[in-house]
Amino acid sequence: MYQNFFSLKVPPFCISPDPDFLFLSERHKEALAHLNYGLRGNGGFVLLTGEVGTGKTIVCRALLNALPESIDIACIANPALNEIELLASVCDEFKIDYDTSKSSLKLLFDVLKHWMMHNLAQGRCAIILIDEAQHLSFAVLEQLRLLTNIDANNKKPLQVILIGQTELQQKLKLKEFRQLAQRITARYHLLPLSRPQCEYYIEHRLRVAGAQFPIFDKGAFVQVFKYSQGVPRLINLLCERCLLSAYTQDKATISARVVQQAAIEMHFSASTSKFGQYWKTLLCVTLGLLVIFNLSSIAPNLNRLYKNVFISEQIIETQAIVNKFHWFSDYSTLDLSKGTYPVALATLYTLWGYSIPTEKVNCTQGASVSLVCFSIRSNMAELSNLNYPAILTLKNAGQGVYVVLYKIDQGYQLLLGKQLITVSKKWLEYYWEGDLTLLWKRPFKETNSLKFSQKSKNIQWLKQVFIALQGAELNNDEYFDWPLVLQVRQFQQTHYLDSDGVAGSRTLMLLMQALNPQFPHLREVL
């Protein structure tokens, strides 16, 4: 209905899982890594929990799609089964023949045991995946545990993946489930998307659907997260309604107001934090006490308080006007004509020891020495953390100037060509809108991130770096194993990066800087 209006090939926010729209956030990737690690063990259970609509099914589909063909999989979607029905369903999924007229618990267990032992002898293994596992009874879970006890020569032919809502965690804490709980080799609780991930998720689905221009503005993204709380299924429902509403109102862009109206129509409500509820309760109690203890007796003090607050606000507002930052008027000899992007990029190359004429400079010229451009929209904290000199775009009243942030040392040192000035952090925050471009040296030509379960020479290099820098106890092979994931996470946490265990550009930048302290940097390398 709205597809032609927004130039979309397909509806982008259908709630049924579609592999074409697969979006794995950092949390989904972390869940996938935990499950993969658990399945590398020898038998037992792997547990994935999360609230309704957080993407547990998507994670499991991605997991199953990546498994080798030597693994047989039985997917049980209906957990409302007794023990015999469960074993019969597992046999059906594995296509195991059995006498349906004489099926009993013992017969089905023996048939499964015989099949699994034969399967193991052929170099194969099996996985039973059960969705909505919070509904499984104790008797059914006990049968699953007994199946995982089967082994031959200390090898287990079966593993079980349990997927369920938060209640499953609570159930497994009960005393009667203690034996099963001890067999869980990996577990992960999937949380909703963060606010930035919510925005990436929406943009990803629109891009896959064929969107040619931005449809949601920044305010709309904020409101979608506010009402959905980052739950993918709720994001889909709300965004679908927003597209329909915008179409009926002939609006090509979805604003915060459109999202708010759609949320009201769908009876969505923004969650109130416990902290906020506490203060609301406290306010109500306080007002009640004021009425009880005669408001008139304290009215003069309240009036004096309100007057002081009003005067203070006026003073702050006046000071803000007086303290407006000057553009470059404090630097009367500064030549702002040097504030062009080519000059800034040539200056950045110079800091790395390469001289390139301004008229020929571009981001590809450093490729021969693995020197590449990295451009993002960021903030002061990340800029300082990346610790590389960077081109910043400064804007004031329609005027734009490109400068190179050269050093952070008792102020922020900026270069316009060969001209050096020092400004305060507040000055820079006032005129910088967040765009930056930096140069860094990649350790290898490939641009893909290094992540769990991959195998390559680059991963061997990564292990050698951690062994050299931190004395890490790692195998010197080419496989990205779980100990390496933990090592990468520790490094990321130390350097204030997202600790996802994936060696992407930001992680490799800081590793290269640690390996090569002579590289250009804003602050001294720790």
Protein backbone atom coordinates (compact mmCIF):
# COMPACT_ATOMS: atom_id res chain seq x y z
CA MET A 1 0.00 0.00 0.00
CA TYR A 2 2.78 2.44 0.96
CA GLN A 3 5.59 0.69 -0.96
CA ASN A 4 5.34 2.77 -4.14
CA PHE A 5 5.05 5.97 -2.11
CA PHE A 6 8.39 5.28 -0.36
CA SER A 7 9.95 3.52 -3.40
CA LEU A 8 10.28 0.23 -1.50
CA LYS A 9 10.56 -3.17 -3.19
CA VAL A 10 9.05 -5.12 -0.28
CA PRO A 11 7.55 -4.29 3.13
CA PRO A 12 10.54 -3.71 5.45
CA PHE A 13 8.97 -4.45 8.83
CA CYS A 14 7.18 -7.77 8.47
CA ILE A 15 7.23 -9.55 11.85
CA SER A 16 7.71 -13.05 10.39
CA PRO A 17 11.42 -14.01 10.27
CA ASP A 18 12.96 -13.43 6.83
CA PRO A 19 16.61 -14.41 6.19
CA ASP A 20 16.93 -11.53 3.70
CA PHE A 21 16.44 -9.07 6.58
CA LEU A 22 18.83 -10.82 8.97
CA PHE A 23 20.31 -8.24 11.35
CA LEU A 24 22.73 -9.40 14.02
CA SER A 25 23.41 -6.65 16.56
CA GLU A 26 26.46 -6.84 18.79
CA ARG A 27 24.31 -8.57 21.41
CA HIS A 28 23.02 -11.11 18.90
CA LYS A 29 26.59 -11.76 17.75
CA GLU A 30 27.68 -12.25 21.35
CA ALA A 31 24.81 -14.69 21.93
CA LEU A 32 25.84 -16.55 18.78
CA ALA A 33 29.44 -16.76 19.98
CA HIS A 34 28.35 -18.19 23.34
CA LEU A 35 26.17 -20.83 21.67
CA ASN A 36 28.93 -21.78 19.24
CA TYR A 37 31.33 -22.14 22.15
CA GLY A 38 28.85 -24.32 24.03
CA LEU A 39 28.36 -26.61 21.04
CA ARG A 40 32.11 -27.17 20.83
CA GLY A 41 31.88 -28.99 24.15
CA ASN A 42 31.28 -32.70 24.61
CA GLY A 43 27.54 -33.06 25.10
CA GLY A 44 25.28 -31.29 27.56
CA PHE A 45 22.87 -28.38 27.26
CA VAL A 46 23.18 -24.92 25.72
CA LEU A 47 20.75 -22.28 27.02
CA LEU A 48 19.47 -19.11 25.30
CA THR A 49 16.91 -16.95 27.10
CA GLY A 50 15.40 -13.54 26.51
CA GLU A 51 12.16 -11.59 26.64
CA VAL A 52 9.50 -12.00 23.96
CA GLY A 53 10.54 -10.53 20.61
CA THR A 54 14.24 -9.93 21.38
CA GLY A 55 15.42 -12.10 18.47
CA LYS A 56 16.14 -15.52 19.99
CA THR A 57 14.78 -17.30 16.90
CA ILE A 58 16.99 -15.19 14.62
CA VAL A 59 20.08 -16.15 16.63
CA CYS A 60 19.21 -19.83 16.48
CA ARG A 61 18.56 -19.73 12.74
CA ALA A 62 21.93 -18.08 12.20
CA LEU A 63 23.51 -20.73 14.42
CA LEU A 64 21.90 -23.66 12.61
CA ASN A 65 22.70 -22.26 9.17
CA ALA A 66 26.39 -22.13 10.10
CA LEU A 67 26.59 -25.71 11.42
CA PRO A 68 28.42 -28.31 9.31
CA GLU A 69 26.51 -30.97 7.38
CA SER A 70 27.85 -33.65 9.71
CA ILE A 71 25.36 -32.53 12.38
CA ASP A 72 21.75 -33.79 12.34
CA ILE A 73 19.22 -31.38 13.83
CA ALA A 74 15.80 -31.97 15.37
CA CYS A 75 13.76 -28.79 15.93
CA ILE A 76 10.85 -29.08 18.38
CA ALA A 77 8.55 -26.05 18.14
CA ASN A 78 5.76 -27.40 20.39
CA PRO A 79 6.99 -27.97 23.94
CA ALA A 80 3.55 -28.98 25.31
CA LEU A 81 4.42 -32.68 25.09
CA ASN A 82 4.74 -35.55 27.51
CA GLU A 83 7.83 -37.77 27.59
CA ILE A 84 6.60 -40.28 24.98
CA GLU A 85 5.37 -37.55 22.63
CA LEU A 86 8.72 -35.73 22.92
CA LEU A 87 10.80 -38.81 22.08
CA ALA A 88 8.44 -39.67 19.21
CA SER A 89 8.76 -36.12 17.85
CA VAL A 90 12.56 -36.33 18.06
CA CYS A 91 12.53 -39.63 16.17
CA ASP A 92 10.27 -38.09 13.52
CA GLU A 93 12.61 -35.10 13.13
CA PHE A 94 15.63 -37.39 12.75
CA LYS A 95 13.59 -39.63 10.38
CA ILE A 96 14.13 -42.69 12.58
CA ASP A 97 11.82 -45.64 11.92
CA TYR A 98 9.99 -47.13 14.90
CA ASP A 99 6.86 -49.18 15.51
CA THR A 100 4.18 -46.55 16.16
CA SER A 101 1.71 -49.18 17.36
CA LYS A 102 4.01 -50.32 20.16
CA SER A 103 5.68 -47.05 21.09
CA SER A 104 6.61 -46.80 24.74
CA LEU A 105 9.09 -44.72 26.68
CA LYS A 106 11.62 -47.56 26.78
CA LEU A 107 11.18 -48.49 23.12
CA LEU A 108 11.63 -44.91 21.91
CA PHE A 109 14.63 -44.31 24.21
CA ASP A 110 16.33 -47.50 22.99
CA VAL A 111 15.64 -46.63 19.34
CA LEU A 112 17.15 -43.18 19.80
CA LYS A 113 20.15 -44.57 21.68
CA HIS A 114 20.86 -47.13 18.95
CA TRP A 115 20.53 -44.47 16.22
CA MET A 116 22.84 -42.01 18.05
CA MET A 117 25.53 -44.65 18.62
CA HIS A 118 25.45 -45.61 14.93
CA ASN A 119 25.49 -41.94 14.00
CA LEU A 120 28.57 -41.36 16.17
CA ALA A 121 30.36 -44.31 14.57
CA GLN A 122 29.81 -42.62 11.19
CA GLY A 123 31.52 -39.45 12.45
CA ARG A 124 28.25 -37.57 12.92
CA CYS A 125 26.52 -36.05 15.92
CA ALA A 126 23.05 -34.68 16.68
CA ILE A 127 21.39 -31.62 18.17
CA ILE A 128 17.89 -31.30 19.60
CA LEU A 129 16.67 -27.69 19.59
CA ILE A 130 13.56 -26.87 21.63
CA ASP A 131 11.80 -23.50 21.38
CA GLU A 132 9.60 -22.06 24.15
CA ALA A 133 11.40 -24.42 26.53
CA GLN A 134 10.02 -22.65 29.61
CA HIS A 135 6.85 -24.76 29.10
CA LEU A 136 8.66 -28.11 29.35
CA SER A 137 7.72 -30.26 32.32
CA PHE A 138 10.20 -31.75 34.76
CA ALA A 139 9.61 -35.26 33.33
CA VAL A 140 10.36 -34.13 29.77
CA LEU A 141 13.51 -32.24 30.78
CA GLU A 142 14.64 -35.29 32.72
CA GLN A 143 14.27 -37.46 29.59
CA LEU A 144 16.41 -34.98 27.67
CA ARG A 145 19.04 -35.11 30.41
CA LEU A 146 19.09 -38.91 30.24
CA LEU A 147 19.58 -38.77 26.47
CA THR A 148 22.62 -36.51 26.93
CA ASN A 149 24.11 -39.07 29.32
CA ILE A 150 24.61 -41.52 26.45
CA ASP A 151 28.25 -41.77 25.41
CA ALA A 152 30.81 -44.01 23.74
CA ASN A 153 34.53 -43.82 24.49
CA ASN A 154 33.95 -40.53 26.36
CA LYS A 155 32.26 -38.99 23.30
CA LYS A 156 28.72 -37.64 23.45
CA PRO A 157 26.53 -38.13 20.37
CA LEU A 158 23.90 -35.54 21.40
CA GLN A 159 23.60 -31.95 22.56
CA VAL A 160 20.42 -30.04 23.44
CA ILE A 161 19.70 -26.36 22.83
CA LEU A 162 16.97 -24.86 25.02
CA ILE A 163 15.43 -21.56 23.93
CA GLY A 164 13.02 -19.83 26.23
CA GLN A 165 11.82 -16.76 28.01
CA THR A 166 13.21 -15.46 31.29
CA GLU A 167 11.05 -17.91 33.28
CA LEU A 168 13.25 -20.76 32.01
CA GLN A 169 16.18 -19.36 33.99
CA GLN A 170 14.08 -19.33 37.14
CA LYS A 171 12.80 -22.86 36.53
CA LEU A 172 16.32 -24.26 36.19
CA LYS A 173 17.23 -22.80 39.59
CA LEU A 174 14.73 -25.11 41.32
CA LYS A 175 16.16 -27.96 43.36
CA GLU A 176 14.69 -30.72 41.18
CA PHE A 177 16.54 -29.37 38.14
CA ARG A 178 19.98 -29.19 39.76
CA GLN A 179 21.35 -32.18 37.81
CA LEU A 180 20.29 -30.67 34.49
CA ALA A 181 21.59 -27.21 35.45
CA GLN A 182 25.02 -28.73 36.06
CA ARG A 183 25.05 -30.02 32.46
CA ILE A 184 24.66 -26.54 30.90
CA THR A 185 27.91 -25.80 29.07
CA ALA A 186 26.98 -22.30 27.84
CA ARG A 187 24.18 -19.88 28.55
CA TYR A 188 23.26 -16.40 27.34
CA HIS A 189 20.43 -14.00 28.17
CA LEU A 190 19.54 -11.85 25.15
CA LEU A 191 18.72 -8.24 25.99
CA PRO A 192 16.82 -5.78 23.75
CA LEU A 193 18.71 -3.52 21.34
CA SER A 194 20.43 -0.39 22.62
CA ARG A 195 19.31 2.99 21.22
CA PRO A 196 22.08 3.17 18.56
CA GLN A 197 21.45 -0.47 17.61
CA CYS A 198 17.73 0.30 17.28
CA GLU A 199 18.58 2.99 14.72
CA TYR A 200 20.95 0.65 12.83
CA TYR A 201 18.25 -2.04 12.83
CA ILE A 202 15.62 0.25 11.28
CA GLU A 203 18.05 1.60 8.66
CA HIS A 204 19.20 -1.94 7.81
CA ARG A 205 15.66 -3.19 7.13
CA LEU A 206 14.81 -0.11 5.06
CA ARG A 207 18.01 -0.51 3.03
CA VAL A 208 17.26 -4.19 2.32
CA ALA A 209 13.72 -3.22 1.31
CA GLY A 210 15.16 -0.86 -1.30
CA ALA A 211 14.90 2.57 0.37
CA GLN A 212 16.65 5.21 -1.74
CA PHE A 213 16.49 8.08 0.77
CA PRO A 214 16.25 8.56 4.58
CA ILE A 215 12.68 7.92 5.74
CA PHE A 216 12.94 8.27 9.55
CA ASP A 217 14.50 11.46 10.95
CA LYS A 218 16.66 11.53 14.09
CA GLY A 219 13.77 12.47 16.36
CA ALA A 220 11.73 9.55 15.04
CA PHE A 221 14.50 7.08 15.91
CA VAL A 222 14.51 8.38 19.49
CA GLN A 223 10.74 7.94 19.79
CA VAL A 224 10.74 4.45 18.29
CA PHE A 225 13.29 3.35 20.89
CA LYS A 226 11.33 5.09 23.65
CA TYR A 227 8.13 3.19 22.86
CA SER A 228 9.66 -0.15 21.81
CA GLN A 229 12.42 -0.25 24.45
CA GLY A 230 14.62 -1.87 21.78
CA VAL A 231 12.54 -5.04 21.33
CA PRO A 232 12.83 -5.92 17.60
CA ARG A 233 9.29 -7.26 17.29
CA LEU A 234 7.83 -4.07 18.77
CA ILE A 235 10.11 -1.97 16.55
CA ASN A 236 8.69 -3.78 13.51
CA LEU A 237 5.08 -3.27 14.58
CA LEU A 238 5.56 0.41 15.37
CA CYS A 239 7.59 1.23 12.24
CA GLU A 240 5.06 -0.56 10.02
CA ARG A 241 2.30 1.62 11.50
CA CYS A 242 4.45 4.74 11.04
CA LEU A 243 4.96 4.03 7.33
CA LEU A 244 1.22 3.57 6.87
CA SER A 245 0.41 6.75 8.81
CA ALA A 246 2.98 8.81 6.88
CA TYR A 247 1.58 7.49 3.59
CA THR A 248 -1.99 8.45 4.48
CA GLN A 249 -0.77 11.94 5.48
CA ASP A 250 1.33 12.28 2.28
CA LYS A 251 4.55 12.73 4.34
CA ALA A 252 7.80 11.48 2.79
CA THR A 253 9.67 11.74 6.11
CA ILE A 254 8.60 10.18 9.41
CA SER A 255 9.06 12.60 12.30
CA ALA A 256 8.88 12.15 16.07
CA ARG A 257 5.27 13.37 15.99
CA VAL A 258 4.28 10.65 13.50
CA VAL A 259 5.84 7.98 15.75
CA GLN A 260 4.10 9.37 18.84
CA GLN A 261 0.72 9.35 17.12
CA ALA A 262 1.26 5.81 15.83
CA ALA A 263 2.25 4.67 19.33
CA ILE A 264 -0.93 6.19 20.78
CA GLU A 265 -3.06 4.45 18.14
CA MET A 266 -1.39 1.12 18.94
CA HIS A 267 -1.72 1.67 22.70
CA PHE A 268 2.05 1.64 23.18
CA SER A 269 3.30 3.36 26.32
CA ALA A 270 6.82 4.58 27.08
CA SER A 271 8.19 2.63 30.05
CA THR A 272 8.81 4.60 33.19
CA SER A 273 12.00 3.68 35.05
CA LYS A 274 11.87 2.59 38.67
CA PHE A 275 13.94 5.66 39.48
CA GLY A 276 11.32 7.91 37.89
CA GLN A 277 8.49 6.09 39.62
CA TYR A 278 10.25 6.55 42.95
CA TRP A 279 10.42 10.31 42.51
CA LYS A 280 6.81 10.50 41.35
CA THR A 281 5.75 8.62 44.47
CA LEU A 282 7.91 10.86 46.65
CA LEU A 283 6.37 13.96 45.06
CA CYS A 284 2.83 12.72 45.72
CA VAL A 285 3.67 11.93 49.35
CA THR A 286 5.29 15.35 49.80
CA LEU A 287 2.27 17.17 48.38
CA GLY A 288 0.03 15.21 50.67
CA LEU A 289 2.13 16.18 53.69
CA LEU A 290 2.02 19.83 52.64
CA VAL A 291 -1.75 19.73 52.68
CA ILE A 292 -1.83 17.98 56.05
CA PHE A 293 0.63 20.37 57.76
CA ASN A 294 -0.96 23.59 56.49
CA LEU A 295 0.61 24.84 53.30
CA SER A 296 0.12 28.47 54.33
CA SER A 297 2.68 28.23 57.14
CA ILE A 298 5.52 27.42 54.72
CA ALA A 299 4.32 29.44 51.74
CA PRO A 300 6.73 32.38 52.38
CA ASN A 301 9.71 30.01 52.30
CA LEU A 302 8.44 28.39 49.09
CA ASN A 303 7.99 31.80 47.46
CA ARG A 304 11.54 32.75 48.43
CA LEU A 305 12.81 29.44 47.02
CA TYR A 306 10.99 29.91 43.70
CA LYS A 307 12.28 33.48 43.46
CA ASN A 308 15.88 32.36 44.01
CA VAL A 309 15.55 29.61 41.41
CA PHE A 310 14.09 32.06 38.89
CA ILE A 311 16.88 34.57 39.50
CA SER A 312 19.53 31.83 39.24
CA GLU A 313 18.11 30.69 35.90
CA GLN A 314 18.24 34.29 34.63
CA ILE A 315 21.89 34.62 35.70
CA ILE A 316 22.82 31.33 33.99
CA GLU A 317 21.00 32.34 30.79
CA THR A 318 22.73 35.75 30.78
CA GLN A 319 26.15 34.16 31.35
CA ALA A 320 25.52 31.74 28.45
CA ILE A 321 24.85 34.69 26.14
CA VAL A 322 27.91 36.65 27.32
CA ASN A 323 30.19 33.60 27.11
CA LYS A 324 29.36 32.71 23.51
CA PHE A 325 32.56 31.36 22.00
CA HIS A 326 34.33 33.52 19.46
CA TRP A 327 34.96 31.90 16.06
CA PHE A 328 38.59 32.56 15.04
CA SER A 329 38.50 36.26 15.95
CA ASP A 330 41.13 35.74 18.67
CA TYR A 331 43.59 34.72 15.94
CA SER A 332 43.73 37.83 13.73
CA THR A 333 46.67 36.56 11.62
CA LEU A 334 45.08 33.18 10.87
CA ASP A 335 44.52 32.46 7.16
CA LEU A 336 41.15 30.65 7.01
CA SER A 337 41.59 30.05 3.27
CA LYS A 338 43.84 27.14 4.33
CA GLY A 339 40.86 25.51 6.01
CA THR A 340 39.96 23.29 3.04
CA TYR A 341 39.63 19.51 3.02
CA PRO A 342 42.54 18.90 0.57
CA VAL A 343 44.86 21.03 2.72
CA ALA A 344 43.74 19.18 5.86
CA LEU A 345 44.21 15.75 4.24
CA ALA A 346 47.66 16.71 2.90
CA THR A 347 48.56 17.90 6.43
CA LEU A 348 47.40 14.57 7.86
CA TYR A 349 49.59 12.65 5.39
CA THR A 350 52.53 14.88 6.40
CA LEU A 351 52.11 13.81 10.04
CA TRP A 352 52.56 10.23 8.84
CA GLY A 353 55.71 11.18 6.93
CA TYR A 354 54.28 11.36 3.41
CA SER A 355 54.32 14.49 1.24
CA ILE A 356 51.45 14.68 -1.26
CA PRO A 357 50.58 17.75 -3.37
CA THR A 358 47.29 19.35 -2.34
CA GLU A 359 45.85 19.21 -5.85
CA LYS A 360 46.37 15.41 -6.03
CA VAL A 361 45.61 14.33 -2.48
CA ASN A 362 42.89 11.73 -1.77
CA CYS A 363 42.21 8.87 0.61
CA THR A 364 43.43 6.13 -1.75
CA GLN A 365 47.02 7.33 -2.10
CA GLY A 366 48.22 5.69 1.10
CA ALA A 367 46.89 2.25 0.16
CA SER A 368 50.27 1.09 -1.16
CA VAL A 369 51.68 1.38 2.37
CA SER A 370 48.43 0.14 4.04
CA LEU A 371 47.59 3.68 5.16
CA VAL A 372 43.81 4.02 4.97
CA CYS A 373 41.18 6.62 5.78
CA PHE A 374 38.61 6.02 8.51
CA SER A 375 35.63 8.39 8.64
CA ILE A 376 32.89 8.40 11.29
CA ARG A 377 30.53 10.71 13.13
CA SER A 378 31.72 10.69 16.72
CA ASN A 379 32.13 12.64 19.97
CA MET A 380 34.96 14.05 22.08
CA ALA A 381 35.31 10.93 24.23
CA GLU A 382 35.74 8.56 21.29
CA LEU A 383 37.98 11.04 19.45
CA SER A 384 40.33 11.11 22.43
CA ASN A 385 40.11 7.33 22.85
CA LEU A 386 41.00 6.60 19.20
CA ASN A 387 44.09 8.73 19.85
CA TYR A 388 44.94 9.43 16.19
CA PRO A 389 45.30 12.91 14.62
CA ALA A 390 42.10 13.59 12.70
CA ILE A 391 40.45 16.03 10.31
CA LEU A 392 37.54 17.81 12.01
CA THR A 393 34.84 19.87 10.34
CA LEU A 394 34.13 23.10 12.27
CA LYS A 395 31.02 25.11 11.43
CA ASN A 396 29.77 28.55 12.41
CA ALA A 397 26.83 30.44 10.90
CA GLY A 398 27.07 28.60 7.58
CA GLN A 399 30.87 28.86 7.38
CA GLY A 400 32.83 25.60 7.37
CA VAL A 401 36.52 25.07 8.08
CA TYR A 402 38.56 21.85 8.00
CA VAL A 403 41.28 21.56 10.63
CA VAL A 404 43.57 18.77 11.83
CA LEU A 405 43.48 17.97 15.52
CA TYR A 406 47.19 17.47 16.08
CA LYS A 407 47.69 17.02 19.83
CA ILE A 408 45.78 16.99 23.10
CA ASP A 409 48.14 18.47 25.68
CA GLN A 410 47.00 21.27 27.99
CA GLY A 411 44.47 22.18 25.32
CA TYR A 412 43.52 21.02 21.84
CA GLN A 413 46.13 21.87 19.19
CA LEU A 414 44.72 22.50 15.72
CA LEU A 415 46.53 22.79 12.39
CA LEU A 416 45.30 24.84 9.43
CA GLY A 417 47.99 23.99 6.94
CA LYS A 418 51.19 24.96 8.81
CA GLN A 419 49.34 27.32 11.20
CA LEU A 420 49.04 25.98 14.77
CA ILE A 421 46.58 27.26 17.36
CA THR A 422 45.45 25.90 20.73
CA VAL A 423 41.79 25.97 21.81
CA SER A 424 39.85 24.73 24.81
CA LYS A 425 37.74 21.59 24.89
CA LYS A 426 34.58 23.67 25.29
CA TRP A 427 35.49 25.80 22.26
CA LEU A 428 36.01 22.68 20.14
CA GLU A 429 32.79 21.06 21.34
CA TYR A 430 30.91 24.25 20.45
CA TYR A 431 32.01 24.37 16.80
CA TRP A 432 32.62 20.68 16.00
CA GLU A 433 29.53 18.70 14.95
CA GLY A 434 31.15 15.26 15.19
CA ASP A 435 32.47 14.46 11.68
CA LEU A 436 36.06 13.20 11.61
CA THR A 437 38.48 11.47 9.26
CA LEU A 438 41.74 9.91 10.38
CA LEU A 439 44.54 7.86 8.81
CA TRP A 440 45.80 4.59 10.25
CA LYS A 441 47.89 1.64 9.08
CA ARG A 442 46.09 -1.66 8.68
CA PRO A 443 48.15 -4.72 9.59
CA PHE A 444 46.93 -6.55 6.46
CA LYS A 445 45.12 -5.74 3.22
CA GLU A 446 41.84 -7.49 4.07
CA THR A 447 39.25 -5.13 5.55
CA ASN A 448 36.91 -7.67 7.15
CA SER A 449 36.69 -7.95 10.92
CA LEU A 450 38.27 -10.95 12.64
CA LYS A 451 35.80 -12.92 14.71
CA PHE A 452 35.09 -16.17 16.52
CA SER A 453 35.40 -19.46 14.55
CA GLN A 454 37.29 -17.91 11.60
CA LYS A 455 40.60 -19.35 10.42
CA SER A 456 43.34 -17.38 8.62
CA LYS A 457 46.93 -16.12 8.81
CA ASN A 458 45.56 -12.78 10.06
CA ILE A 459 44.18 -14.48 13.15
CA GLN A 460 47.57 -16.05 13.81
CA TRP A 461 49.04 -12.52 13.61
CA LEU A 462 46.41 -11.32 16.11
CA LYS A 463 47.35 -14.06 18.56
CA GLN A 464 51.04 -13.22 18.22
CA VAL A 465 50.26 -9.57 19.00
CA PHE A 466 48.51 -10.46 22.26
CA ILE A 467 51.30 -12.87 23.18
CA ALA A 468 53.89 -10.12 22.56
CA LEU A 469 52.01 -7.24 24.17
CA GLN A 470 50.33 -8.90 27.13
CA GLY A 471 52.00 -12.29 27.50
CA ALA A 472 48.68 -13.98 26.73
CA GLU A 473 48.54 -17.78 26.94
CA LEU A 474 47.22 -18.55 23.45
CA ASN A 475 47.76 -21.29 20.90
CA ASN A 476 49.92 -20.00 18.06
CA ASP A 477 47.56 -21.30 15.36
CA GLU A 478 45.23 -19.71 12.79
CA TYR A 479 41.91 -20.44 14.55
CA PHE A 480 39.90 -17.70 16.30
CA ASP A 481 39.06 -19.70 19.41
CA TRP A 482 37.27 -18.75 22.62
CA PRO A 483 40.43 -17.82 24.58
CA LEU A 484 41.19 -15.28 21.85
CA VAL A 485 37.65 -13.88 22.12
CA LEU A 486 38.21 -13.34 25.85
CA GLN A 487 41.61 -11.71 25.19
CA VAL A 488 40.10 -9.31 22.64
CA ARG A 489 37.27 -8.44 25.04
CA GLN A 490 39.72 -7.66 27.83
CA PHE A 491 41.69 -5.38 25.52
CA GLN A 492 38.49 -3.66 24.39
CA GLN A 493 37.33 -3.07 27.95
CA THR A 494 40.71 -1.61 28.90
CA HIS A 495 40.50 0.82 25.96
CA TYR A 496 36.81 1.75 26.43
CA LEU A 497 35.57 -0.01 23.28
CA ASP A 498 32.44 -2.15 22.90
CA SER A 499 33.58 -5.49 24.32
CA ASP A 500 32.11 -7.69 21.59
CA GLY A 501 35.20 -9.89 21.15
CA VAL A 502 35.40 -8.98 17.44
CA ALA A 503 38.65 -7.45 16.15
CA GLY A 504 37.23 -4.71 13.93
CA SER A 505 38.78 -1.45 12.76
CA ARG A 506 38.68 0.35 16.12
CA THR A 507 40.28 -2.57 17.97
CA LEU A 508 42.96 -3.04 15.31
CA MET A 509 43.72 0.71 15.35
CA LEU A 510 44.56 0.65 19.03
CA LEU A 511 46.48 -2.61 18.72
CA MET A 512 48.62 -1.12 15.95
CA GLN A 513 49.20 1.96 18.07
CA ALA A 514 50.29 -0.18 21.01
CA LEU A 515 52.67 -2.10 18.73
CA ASN A 516 54.06 1.09 17.14
CA PRO A 517 54.33 3.94 19.69
CA GLN A 518 56.09 6.04 17.02
CA PHE A 519 52.83 6.33 15.05
CA PRO A 520 51.21 9.80 15.22
CA HIS A 521 49.00 10.09 18.29
CA LEU A 522 47.05 12.75 20.20
CA ARG A 523 48.12 11.68 23.67
CA GLU A 524 51.02 9.59 24.92
CA VAL A 525 50.35 5.90 24.27
CA LEU A 526 49.83 4.02 27.52
